[in-house]
Amino acid sequence: MNKLAVEIGEKFFGEGSNTPLAEISGIGTLVSIIVNAAFVLAGIILLFFFIFGGISMIAGAGKDNPDQAAKGKQAITSALLGFIVVFASYWIVQLIELVTGIIILG
């Protein structure tokens, strides 16, 4: 059961450190933390938009309301376009890492 727990304090703040920003040694490390968190947040938002759009489309079809179904379809389309933008930005960052040799996403 102990294998399922992960101590995030050591990962983010350094082993045995008392200050919360001890691991952030420069602007690159801070950017890496922010970019990684932004990718996770974008994935969570994508999931919620898919769920919202799907429920809206089903509800619109059940009530014979084409406007509500269209809003659901638009939400899913927007979520897919947002996913493509986030996915492309991730690979652009990977390409920048490869070209420059600087580790951005740690």
Protein backbone atom coordinates (compact mmCIF):
# COMPACT_ATOMS: atom_id res chain seq x y z
CA MET A 1 0.00 0.00 0.00
CA ASN A 2 2.92 2.35 0.59
CA LYS A 3 3.96 1.95 -3.07
CA LEU A 4 0.85 3.84 -4.18
CA ALA A 5 1.74 6.98 -2.23
CA VAL A 6 4.07 9.52 -3.80
CA GLU A 7 5.82 12.21 -1.80
CA ILE A 8 5.47 15.28 -3.99
CA GLY A 9 7.22 17.59 -1.53
CA GLU A 10 10.62 16.12 -2.32
CA LYS A 11 9.93 16.20 -6.05
CA PHE A 12 8.95 19.87 -6.15
CA PHE A 13 10.84 21.43 -3.25
CA GLY A 14 13.96 19.29 -2.84
CA GLU A 15 14.86 16.68 -0.29
CA GLY A 16 14.86 17.99 3.28
CA SER A 17 14.33 21.62 2.30
CA ASN A 18 12.40 24.00 4.50
CA THR A 19 11.74 26.61 1.83
CA PRO A 20 9.07 25.83 -0.78
CA LEU A 21 11.03 27.40 -3.63
CA ALA A 22 14.36 25.64 -2.97
CA GLU A 23 14.08 23.47 -6.10
CA ILE A 24 13.37 26.39 -8.41
CA SER A 25 16.92 27.36 -9.28
CA GLY A 26 16.17 29.55 -12.26
CA ILE A 27 13.61 30.82 -14.67
CA GLY A 28 13.91 27.65 -16.79
CA THR A 29 12.81 25.44 -13.91
CA LEU A 30 9.88 27.72 -13.16
CA VAL A 31 8.81 27.69 -16.82
CA SER A 32 9.06 23.88 -16.86
CA ILE A 33 6.76 23.58 -13.86
CA ILE A 34 4.24 26.04 -15.32
CA VAL A 35 4.25 24.43 -18.78
CA ASN A 36 3.79 20.93 -17.37
CA ALA A 37 0.92 22.14 -15.18
CA ALA A 38 -0.65 23.92 -18.16
CA PHE A 39 -0.60 20.73 -20.25
CA VAL A 40 -2.30 18.78 -17.46
CA LEU A 41 -4.88 21.53 -16.97
CA ALA A 42 -5.57 21.63 -20.72
CA GLY A 43 -6.21 17.88 -20.72
CA ILE A 44 -8.65 18.18 -17.82
CA ILE A 45 -10.48 21.06 -19.51
CA LEU A 46 -10.64 19.02 -22.74
CA LEU A 47 -12.25 16.14 -20.88
CA PHE A 48 -14.91 18.39 -19.34
CA PHE A 49 -15.72 20.01 -22.68
CA PHE A 50 -16.14 16.57 -24.27
CA ILE A 51 -18.48 15.50 -21.49
CA PHE A 52 -20.44 18.77 -21.60
CA GLY A 53 -20.71 18.70 -25.40
CA GLY A 54 -21.79 15.07 -25.48
CA ILE A 55 -24.46 15.55 -22.83
CA SER A 56 -25.67 18.69 -24.56
CA MET A 57 -25.94 16.90 -27.91
CA ILE A 58 -27.82 13.99 -26.38
CA ALA A 59 -30.17 16.29 -24.48
CA GLY A 60 -30.82 18.38 -27.59
CA ALA A 61 -31.61 15.30 -29.65
CA GLY A 62 -33.89 13.92 -26.94
CA LYS A 63 -35.87 17.15 -26.65
CA ASP A 64 -35.91 17.66 -30.42
CA ASN A 65 -34.04 20.93 -29.90
CA PRO A 66 -31.56 21.47 -32.74
CA ASP A 67 -30.11 24.62 -31.15
CA GLN A 68 -28.96 22.75 -28.05
CA ALA A 69 -27.54 19.93 -30.15
CA ALA A 70 -25.67 22.49 -32.26
CA LYS A 71 -24.20 24.08 -29.11
CA GLY A 72 -22.99 20.68 -28.00
CA LYS A 73 -21.46 20.00 -31.38
CA GLN A 74 -19.76 23.40 -31.29
CA ALA A 75 -18.36 22.67 -27.81
CA ILE A 76 -16.87 19.38 -29.00
CA THR A 77 -15.44 21.02 -32.12
CA SER A 78 -13.87 23.79 -30.05
CA ALA A 79 -12.44 21.24 -27.63
CA LEU A 80 -10.89 19.30 -30.51
CA LEU A 81 -9.35 22.44 -31.98
CA GLY A 82 -7.98 23.37 -28.56
CA PHE A 83 -6.53 19.88 -28.19
CA ILE A 84 -4.81 20.21 -31.56
CA VAL A 85 -3.31 23.55 -30.49
CA VAL A 86 -2.07 22.11 -27.17
CA PHE A 87 -0.74 18.98 -28.86
CA ALA A 88 1.08 21.05 -31.49
CA SER A 89 2.54 23.35 -28.85
CA TYR A 90 3.86 20.35 -26.92
CA TRP A 91 5.65 19.06 -30.01
CA ILE A 92 6.98 22.53 -30.81
CA VAL A 93 8.46 22.68 -27.31
CA GLN A 94 9.95 19.22 -27.86
CA LEU A 95 11.46 20.43 -31.14
CA ILE A 96 12.92 23.51 -29.44
CA GLU A 97 14.45 21.21 -26.79
CA LEU A 98 15.99 19.06 -29.50
CA VAL A 99 17.41 21.98 -31.47
CA THR A 100 18.73 24.04 -28.56
CA GLY A 101 19.66 21.24 -26.18
CA ILE A 102 17.89 23.04 -23.31
CA ILE A 103 15.54 20.91 -21.24
CA ILE A 104 12.28 22.84 -20.94
CA LEU A 105 9.82 20.18 -19.78
CA GLY A 106 12.24 18.52 -17.38
